[in-house]
């Protein structure tokens, strides 16, 4: 059995944020705390959203803050933050309740994380995850919910 994606070190539930920028900072802060990214990573994600639009909002309810490896990635990492109140990104009509940030040092290392995110979206798990408060339940949901 493979190691779980989420632990006490990379998950926070029911987080209060001011706006979408604050949501990105708080989600990426878990990556930074664990040594996966540098301080500039969140700033680069925000710059990209401002320049290219809300490309990180991949489905109603979920955003996946990330940027290119050269923008501060140190190693592959993932974090999950659920928000106390949904936020709206500029030019997006979808409220975001779940933030899954990730980092990678090349174009291939993060593919397992992407597969996990696709599974969450395809299996309609976003609303369930947005109301969770247990890391064990989160991991069980992701690992047990097979298509």
N, C-alpha and C. Protein backbone atom coordinates (compact mmCIF):
# COMPACT_ATOMS: atom_id res chain seq x y z
N UNK A 1 0.85 -1.18 0.00
CA UNK A 1 0.00 0.00 0.00
C UNK A 1 0.89 1.24 0.00
N UNK A 2 0.52 2.22 -0.82
CA UNK A 2 1.35 3.41 -0.88
C UNK A 2 1.06 4.35 0.29
N UNK A 3 2.02 5.19 0.57
CA UNK A 3 1.91 6.15 1.64
C UNK A 3 0.75 7.12 1.37
N UNK A 4 0.06 7.54 2.42
CA UNK A 4 -1.04 8.49 2.27
C UNK A 4 -0.51 9.84 1.81
N UNK A 5 -1.33 10.54 1.04
CA UNK A 5 -0.96 11.87 0.57
C UNK A 5 -0.97 12.89 1.71
N UNK A 6 -1.90 12.73 2.66
CA UNK A 6 -2.14 13.80 3.62
C UNK A 6 -1.82 13.39 5.05
N UNK A 7 -1.18 14.32 5.78
CA UNK A 7 -0.79 14.14 7.18
C UNK A 7 -1.09 15.43 7.93
N UNK A 8 -0.83 15.42 9.22
CA UNK A 8 -1.00 16.64 10.02
C UNK A 8 -0.14 17.79 9.50
N UNK A 9 0.96 17.46 8.83
CA UNK A 9 1.88 18.49 8.35
C UNK A 9 1.41 19.22 7.10
N UNK A 10 0.49 18.62 6.35
CA UNK A 10 0.13 19.26 5.08
C UNK A 10 -1.37 19.46 4.88
N UNK A 11 -2.13 19.42 5.97
CA UNK A 11 -3.58 19.62 5.88
C UNK A 11 -4.04 20.60 6.96
N UNK A 12 -4.95 21.48 6.59
CA UNK A 12 -5.66 22.33 7.55
C UNK A 12 -7.12 22.38 7.14
N UNK A 13 -8.00 22.21 8.12
CA UNK A 13 -9.44 22.23 7.86
C UNK A 13 -10.05 23.54 8.37
N UNK A 14 -11.09 23.99 7.65
CA UNK A 14 -11.93 25.09 8.11
C UNK A 14 -11.12 26.38 8.36
N UNK A 15 -10.29 26.73 7.41
CA UNK A 15 -9.39 27.88 7.53
C UNK A 15 -10.12 29.17 7.14
N UNK A 16 -9.93 30.20 7.94
CA UNK A 16 -10.50 31.51 7.62
C UNK A 16 -9.53 32.27 6.72
N UNK A 17 -10.06 32.83 5.64
CA UNK A 17 -9.26 33.63 4.72
C UNK A 17 -10.03 34.90 4.36
N UNK A 18 -9.27 35.94 3.95
CA UNK A 18 -9.89 37.21 3.56
C UNK A 18 -10.39 37.17 2.13
N UNK A 19 -9.61 36.53 1.26
CA UNK A 19 -9.91 36.54 -0.17
C UNK A 19 -9.10 35.43 -0.84
N UNK A 20 -9.17 35.37 -2.18
CA UNK A 20 -8.48 34.30 -2.90
C UNK A 20 -6.97 34.35 -2.74
N UNK A 21 -6.42 35.56 -2.64
CA UNK A 21 -4.97 35.67 -2.46
C UNK A 21 -4.55 35.08 -1.11
N UNK A 22 -5.31 35.41 -0.08
CA UNK A 22 -5.03 34.88 1.25
C UNK A 22 -5.18 33.35 1.26
N UNK A 23 -6.15 32.84 0.52
CA UNK A 23 -6.34 31.39 0.42
C UNK A 23 -5.11 30.73 -0.21
N UNK A 24 -4.57 31.36 -1.25
CA UNK A 24 -3.34 30.83 -1.87
C UNK A 24 -2.19 30.86 -0.87
N UNK A 25 -2.00 32.01 -0.22
CA UNK A 25 -0.90 32.12 0.75
C UNK A 25 -1.00 31.04 1.83
N UNK A 26 -2.20 30.82 2.36
CA UNK A 26 -2.35 29.86 3.46
C UNK A 26 -2.17 28.42 2.98
N UNK A 27 -2.61 28.14 1.78
CA UNK A 27 -2.43 26.80 1.23
C UNK A 27 -0.95 26.52 0.93
N UNK A 28 -0.29 27.48 0.29
CA UNK A 28 1.12 27.31 -0.06
C UNK A 28 2.01 27.37 1.19
N UNK A 29 1.55 28.03 2.24
CA UNK A 29 2.34 28.10 3.48
C UNK A 29 2.66 26.71 4.02
N UNK A 30 1.75 25.77 3.83
CA UNK A 30 2.02 24.40 4.27
C UNK A 30 3.15 23.77 3.46
N UNK A 31 3.20 24.06 2.17
CA UNK A 31 4.32 23.57 1.35
C UNK A 31 5.63 24.20 1.81
N UNK A 32 5.58 25.50 2.08
CA UNK A 32 6.78 26.21 2.53
C UNK A 32 7.26 25.68 3.88
N UNK A 33 6.33 25.49 4.80
CA UNK A 33 6.67 24.99 6.14
C UNK A 33 7.38 23.64 6.07
N UNK A 34 7.01 22.83 5.09
CA UNK A 34 7.59 21.49 4.95
C UNK A 34 8.81 21.46 4.05
N UNK A 35 9.27 22.63 3.58
CA UNK A 35 10.48 22.70 2.79
C UNK A 35 10.33 22.34 1.33
N UNK A 36 9.10 22.31 0.83
CA UNK A 36 8.87 21.94 -0.57
C UNK A 36 9.02 23.12 -1.52
N UNK A 37 8.81 24.34 -1.01
CA UNK A 37 8.90 25.54 -1.86
C UNK A 37 9.58 26.66 -1.09
N UNK A 38 10.02 27.67 -1.83
CA UNK A 38 10.61 28.87 -1.22
C UNK A 38 9.51 29.89 -0.93
N UNK A 39 9.90 30.97 -0.29
CA UNK A 39 8.95 32.03 0.05
C UNK A 39 8.27 32.64 -1.17
N UNK A 40 8.95 32.64 -2.31
CA UNK A 40 8.40 33.32 -3.48
C UNK A 40 7.32 32.51 -4.21
N UNK A 41 7.15 31.25 -3.88
CA UNK A 41 6.23 30.38 -4.62
C UNK A 41 4.80 30.93 -4.64
N UNK A 42 4.26 31.29 -3.48
CA UNK A 42 2.88 31.80 -3.42
C UNK A 42 2.74 33.09 -4.22
N UNK A 43 3.73 33.96 -4.13
CA UNK A 43 3.69 35.22 -4.88
C UNK A 43 3.66 34.94 -6.37
N UNK A 44 4.41 33.96 -6.82
CA UNK A 44 4.42 33.60 -8.24
C UNK A 44 3.08 33.01 -8.68
N UNK A 45 2.45 32.21 -7.83
CA UNK A 45 1.12 31.67 -8.16
C UNK A 45 0.14 32.83 -8.33
N UNK A 46 0.16 33.77 -7.40
CA UNK A 46 -0.75 34.92 -7.46
C UNK A 46 -0.50 35.75 -8.71
N UNK A 47 0.77 35.99 -9.03
CA UNK A 47 1.10 36.73 -10.26
C UNK A 47 0.52 36.03 -11.48
N UNK A 48 0.65 34.72 -11.54
CA UNK A 48 0.14 33.97 -12.68
C UNK A 48 -1.38 34.05 -12.78
N UNK A 49 -2.07 33.96 -11.65
CA UNK A 49 -3.54 34.08 -11.66
C UNK A 49 -3.94 35.47 -12.13
N UNK A 50 -3.22 36.49 -11.67
CA UNK A 50 -3.52 37.85 -12.11
C UNK A 50 -3.27 38.02 -13.61
N UNK A 51 -2.24 37.38 -14.12
CA UNK A 51 -1.90 37.52 -15.53
C UNK A 51 -2.76 36.64 -16.44
N UNK A 52 -3.00 35.40 -16.05
CA UNK A 52 -3.66 34.43 -16.93
C UNK A 52 -5.10 34.11 -16.55
N UNK A 53 -5.59 34.69 -15.45
CA UNK A 53 -6.94 34.38 -15.00
C UNK A 53 -6.94 33.20 -14.04
N UNK A 54 -8.13 32.79 -13.63
CA UNK A 54 -8.25 31.76 -12.59
C UNK A 54 -8.05 30.33 -13.11
N UNK A 55 -6.93 30.11 -13.77
CA UNK A 55 -6.63 28.79 -14.34
C UNK A 55 -6.52 27.71 -13.28
N UNK A 56 -6.31 28.10 -12.04
CA UNK A 56 -6.16 27.10 -10.98
C UNK A 56 -7.51 26.60 -10.46
N UNK A 57 -8.61 27.28 -10.82
CA UNK A 57 -9.94 26.81 -10.45
C UNK A 57 -10.34 25.80 -11.52
N UNK A 58 -10.19 24.52 -11.20
CA UNK A 58 -10.34 23.48 -12.23
C UNK A 58 -11.75 22.90 -12.29
N UNK A 59 -12.54 23.15 -11.26
CA UNK A 59 -13.91 22.64 -11.19
C UNK A 59 -14.60 23.42 -10.07
N UNK A 60 -15.93 23.54 -10.12
CA UNK A 60 -16.58 24.25 -9.01
C UNK A 60 -16.16 23.66 -7.66
N UNK A 61 -15.71 24.53 -6.78
CA UNK A 61 -15.35 24.11 -5.43
C UNK A 61 -13.88 23.86 -5.17
N UNK A 62 -13.07 23.75 -6.22
CA UNK A 62 -11.67 23.37 -6.00
C UNK A 62 -10.71 24.21 -6.84
N UNK A 63 -9.61 24.59 -6.19
CA UNK A 63 -8.50 25.27 -6.88
C UNK A 63 -7.23 24.51 -6.55
N UNK A 64 -6.31 24.54 -7.52
CA UNK A 64 -5.04 23.82 -7.34
C UNK A 64 -3.86 24.79 -7.54
N UNK A 65 -3.56 25.59 -6.53
CA UNK A 65 -2.44 26.53 -6.64
C UNK A 65 -1.12 25.82 -6.94
N UNK A 66 -0.48 26.24 -8.02
CA UNK A 66 0.81 25.70 -8.42
C UNK A 66 1.42 26.65 -9.44
N UNK A 67 2.70 26.52 -9.67
CA UNK A 67 3.38 27.30 -10.68
C UNK A 67 4.57 26.48 -11.19
N UNK A 68 5.31 27.04 -12.10
CA UNK A 68 6.44 26.35 -12.73
C UNK A 68 7.52 26.02 -11.68
N UNK A 69 8.25 24.95 -11.90
CA UNK A 69 9.30 24.56 -10.95
C UNK A 69 10.31 25.67 -10.66
N UNK A 70 10.67 26.44 -11.67
CA UNK A 70 11.68 27.49 -11.47
C UNK A 70 11.18 28.67 -10.64
N UNK A 71 9.90 28.67 -10.28
CA UNK A 71 9.34 29.75 -9.47
C UNK A 71 9.36 29.46 -7.98
N UNK A 72 10.27 28.59 -7.55
CA UNK A 72 10.44 28.37 -6.12
C UNK A 72 10.21 26.96 -5.63
N UNK A 73 10.03 26.00 -6.52
CA UNK A 73 9.86 24.61 -6.09
C UNK A 73 11.21 24.03 -5.67
N UNK A 74 11.23 23.35 -4.54
CA UNK A 74 12.43 22.68 -4.04
C UNK A 74 12.30 21.17 -4.25
N UNK A 75 11.13 20.63 -3.95
CA UNK A 75 10.85 19.22 -4.18
C UNK A 75 9.35 19.01 -4.33
N UNK A 76 8.96 17.81 -4.69
CA UNK A 76 7.54 17.50 -4.87
C UNK A 76 6.83 17.54 -3.53
N UNK A 77 5.70 18.24 -3.50
CA UNK A 77 4.91 18.32 -2.29
C UNK A 77 3.47 18.62 -2.60
N UNK A 78 2.59 18.35 -1.63
CA UNK A 78 1.17 18.63 -1.79
C UNK A 78 0.62 19.08 -0.44
N UNK A 79 -0.39 19.95 -0.48
CA UNK A 79 -1.09 20.36 0.73
C UNK A 79 -2.56 20.50 0.41
N UNK A 80 -3.39 20.38 1.43
CA UNK A 80 -4.83 20.56 1.27
C UNK A 80 -5.34 21.46 2.37
N UNK A 81 -6.13 22.46 1.97
CA UNK A 81 -6.76 23.38 2.91
C UNK A 81 -8.23 23.46 2.54
N UNK A 82 -9.11 23.29 3.54
CA UNK A 82 -10.52 23.56 3.32
C UNK A 82 -10.82 24.92 3.93
N UNK A 83 -11.71 25.66 3.30
CA UNK A 83 -12.00 27.03 3.71
C UNK A 83 -13.29 27.11 4.51
N UNK A 84 -13.26 27.93 5.56
CA UNK A 84 -14.46 28.13 6.38
C UNK A 84 -15.58 28.71 5.54
N UNK A 85 -15.24 29.70 4.71
CA UNK A 85 -16.20 30.29 3.77
C UNK A 85 -15.58 30.25 2.39
N UNK A 86 -16.36 29.92 1.37
CA UNK A 86 -15.81 29.86 0.01
C UNK A 86 -15.29 31.22 -0.45
N UNK A 87 -14.32 31.20 -1.34
CA UNK A 87 -13.80 32.43 -1.95
C UNK A 87 -14.04 32.37 -3.45
N UNK A 88 -14.10 33.54 -4.05
CA UNK A 88 -14.24 33.65 -5.50
C UNK A 88 -12.96 34.25 -6.05
N UNK A 89 -12.48 33.66 -7.11
CA UNK A 89 -11.32 34.20 -7.81
C UNK A 89 -11.82 35.20 -8.84
N UNK A 90 -11.01 36.20 -9.10
CA UNK A 90 -11.35 37.20 -10.11
C UNK A 90 -11.67 36.49 -11.43
N UNK A 91 -12.75 36.90 -12.07
CA UNK A 91 -13.18 36.35 -13.36
C UNK A 91 -13.63 34.89 -13.29
N UNK A 92 -14.00 34.42 -12.11
CA UNK A 92 -14.54 33.07 -11.98
C UNK A 92 -15.84 33.15 -11.19
N UNK A 93 -16.85 32.42 -11.65
CA UNK A 93 -18.13 32.42 -10.94
C UNK A 93 -18.27 31.21 -10.01
N UNK A 94 -17.23 30.40 -9.93
CA UNK A 94 -17.27 29.20 -9.09
C UNK A 94 -16.68 29.47 -7.71
N UNK A 95 -17.47 29.27 -6.65
CA UNK A 95 -16.91 29.42 -5.31
C UNK A 95 -15.94 28.28 -5.02
N UNK A 96 -14.83 28.60 -4.39
CA UNK A 96 -13.80 27.60 -4.06
C UNK A 96 -13.83 27.33 -2.56
N UNK A 97 -13.92 26.04 -2.21
CA UNK A 97 -13.95 25.60 -0.82
C UNK A 97 -12.75 24.74 -0.45
N UNK A 98 -12.11 24.16 -1.47
CA UNK A 98 -10.97 23.25 -1.25
C UNK A 98 -9.79 23.74 -2.08
N UNK A 99 -8.64 23.87 -1.42
CA UNK A 99 -7.40 24.28 -2.09
C UNK A 99 -6.41 23.12 -1.97
N UNK A 100 -5.98 22.59 -3.11
CA UNK A 100 -4.93 21.57 -3.10
C UNK A 100 -3.73 22.16 -3.83
N UNK A 101 -2.75 22.61 -3.06
CA UNK A 101 -1.53 23.18 -3.64
C UNK A 101 -0.52 22.06 -3.85
N UNK A 102 0.30 22.22 -4.88
CA UNK A 102 1.36 21.25 -5.09
C UNK A 102 2.57 21.91 -5.73
N UNK A 103 3.70 21.23 -5.60
CA UNK A 103 4.95 21.70 -6.20
C UNK A 103 5.64 20.51 -6.85
N UNK A 104 6.46 20.83 -7.84
CA UNK A 104 7.25 19.80 -8.53
C UNK A 104 8.50 20.45 -9.08
N UNK A 105 9.55 19.67 -9.21
CA UNK A 105 10.81 20.21 -9.72
C UNK A 105 11.04 19.91 -11.19
N UNK A 106 10.11 19.17 -11.80
CA UNK A 106 10.15 18.96 -13.25
C UNK A 106 8.72 18.75 -13.74
N UNK A 107 8.56 18.41 -15.00
CA UNK A 107 7.22 18.29 -15.57
C UNK A 107 6.56 16.93 -15.34
N UNK A 108 7.23 16.00 -14.68
CA UNK A 108 6.69 14.66 -14.51
C UNK A 108 6.46 14.24 -13.07
N UNK A 109 7.22 14.79 -12.14
CA UNK A 109 7.21 14.30 -10.76
C UNK A 109 5.86 14.39 -10.07
N UNK A 110 5.03 15.31 -10.47
CA UNK A 110 3.78 15.56 -9.78
C UNK A 110 2.59 14.80 -10.38
N UNK A 111 2.84 13.89 -11.31
CA UNK A 111 1.74 13.22 -12.01
C UNK A 111 0.85 12.39 -11.08
N UNK A 112 1.42 11.78 -10.04
CA UNK A 112 0.59 11.04 -9.08
C UNK A 112 -0.35 11.99 -8.33
N UNK A 113 0.13 13.18 -8.02
CA UNK A 113 -0.72 14.18 -7.36
C UNK A 113 -1.86 14.58 -8.30
N UNK A 114 -1.54 14.81 -9.56
CA UNK A 114 -2.56 15.18 -10.54
C UNK A 114 -3.61 14.07 -10.66
N UNK A 115 -3.18 12.82 -10.69
CA UNK A 115 -4.12 11.69 -10.76
C UNK A 115 -5.06 11.70 -9.55
N UNK A 116 -4.52 11.98 -8.37
CA UNK A 116 -5.34 12.03 -7.16
C UNK A 116 -6.36 13.16 -7.26
N UNK A 117 -5.94 14.32 -7.76
CA UNK A 117 -6.85 15.47 -7.90
C UNK A 117 -7.94 15.15 -8.91
N UNK A 118 -7.59 14.54 -10.02
CA UNK A 118 -8.58 14.15 -11.04
C UNK A 118 -9.60 13.19 -10.43
N UNK A 119 -9.13 12.25 -9.64
CA UNK A 119 -10.02 11.29 -8.98
C UNK A 119 -11.01 12.01 -8.06
N UNK A 120 -10.53 12.99 -7.31
CA UNK A 120 -11.40 13.77 -6.42
C UNK A 120 -12.50 14.46 -7.23
N UNK A 121 -12.12 15.09 -8.33
CA UNK A 121 -13.09 15.82 -9.16
C UNK A 121 -14.05 14.84 -9.84
N UNK A 122 -13.51 13.83 -10.51
CA UNK A 122 -14.36 12.89 -11.26
C UNK A 122 -15.33 12.13 -10.38
N UNK A 123 -14.94 11.84 -9.15
CA UNK A 123 -15.79 11.07 -8.25
C UNK A 123 -16.67 11.95 -7.37
N UNK A 124 -16.69 13.25 -7.64
CA UNK A 124 -17.58 14.15 -6.93
C UNK A 124 -17.31 14.26 -5.44
N UNK A 125 -16.04 14.27 -5.06
CA UNK A 125 -15.68 14.26 -3.63
C UNK A 125 -15.44 15.65 -3.04
N UNK A 126 -15.53 16.70 -3.85
CA UNK A 126 -15.17 18.04 -3.37
C UNK A 126 -16.05 18.48 -2.21
N UNK A 127 -17.37 18.35 -2.34
CA UNK A 127 -18.25 18.78 -1.25
C UNK A 127 -18.02 17.98 0.02
N UNK A 128 -17.79 16.68 -0.12
CA UNK A 128 -17.51 15.85 1.05
C UNK A 128 -16.22 16.30 1.73
N UNK A 129 -15.18 16.51 0.95
CA UNK A 129 -13.90 16.95 1.51
C UNK A 129 -14.03 18.31 2.17
N UNK A 130 -14.83 19.20 1.59
CA UNK A 130 -14.95 20.56 2.12
C UNK A 130 -15.54 20.60 3.53
N UNK A 131 -16.23 19.53 3.94
CA UNK A 131 -16.84 19.51 5.28
C UNK A 131 -16.11 18.58 6.25
N UNK A 132 -15.02 17.99 5.82
CA UNK A 132 -14.28 17.04 6.68
C UNK A 132 -13.47 17.78 7.74
N UNK A 133 -13.16 17.05 8.81
CA UNK A 133 -12.25 17.58 9.82
C UNK A 133 -11.33 16.50 10.37
N UNK A 134 -11.18 15.42 9.60
CA UNK A 134 -10.32 14.31 10.02
C UNK A 134 -9.39 13.92 8.88
N UNK A 135 -8.10 13.93 9.15
CA UNK A 135 -7.12 13.53 8.14
C UNK A 135 -7.28 12.05 7.81
N UNK A 136 -7.55 11.23 8.80
CA UNK A 136 -7.76 9.79 8.55
C UNK A 136 -8.95 9.58 7.63
N UNK A 137 -10.05 10.29 7.89
CA UNK A 137 -11.23 10.17 7.02
C UNK A 137 -10.93 10.65 5.61
N UNK A 138 -10.16 11.73 5.50
CA UNK A 138 -9.77 12.26 4.20
C UNK A 138 -8.98 11.21 3.41
N UNK A 139 -7.97 10.65 4.03
CA UNK A 139 -7.16 9.63 3.36
C UNK A 139 -7.99 8.39 3.00
N UNK A 140 -8.86 7.96 3.91
CA UNK A 140 -9.72 6.81 3.62
C UNK A 140 -10.62 7.08 2.43
N UNK A 141 -11.19 8.27 2.36
CA UNK A 141 -12.06 8.64 1.25
C UNK A 141 -11.31 8.58 -0.07
N UNK A 142 -10.14 9.16 -0.10
CA UNK A 142 -9.36 9.21 -1.34
C UNK A 142 -8.85 7.83 -1.73
N UNK A 143 -8.41 7.05 -0.75
CA UNK A 143 -7.85 5.74 -1.04
C UNK A 143 -8.92 4.68 -1.31
N UNK A 144 -10.09 4.82 -0.67
CA UNK A 144 -11.14 3.81 -0.81
C UNK A 144 -12.10 4.07 -1.95
N UNK A 145 -12.20 5.30 -2.40
CA UNK A 145 -13.18 5.65 -3.44
C UNK A 145 -12.59 5.33 -4.81
N UNK A 146 -12.73 4.11 -5.21
CA UNK A 146 -12.19 3.68 -6.50
C UNK A 146 -13.30 3.72 -7.55
N UNK A 147 -12.97 4.22 -8.73
CA UNK A 147 -14.00 4.28 -9.79
C UNK A 147 -14.47 2.90 -10.21
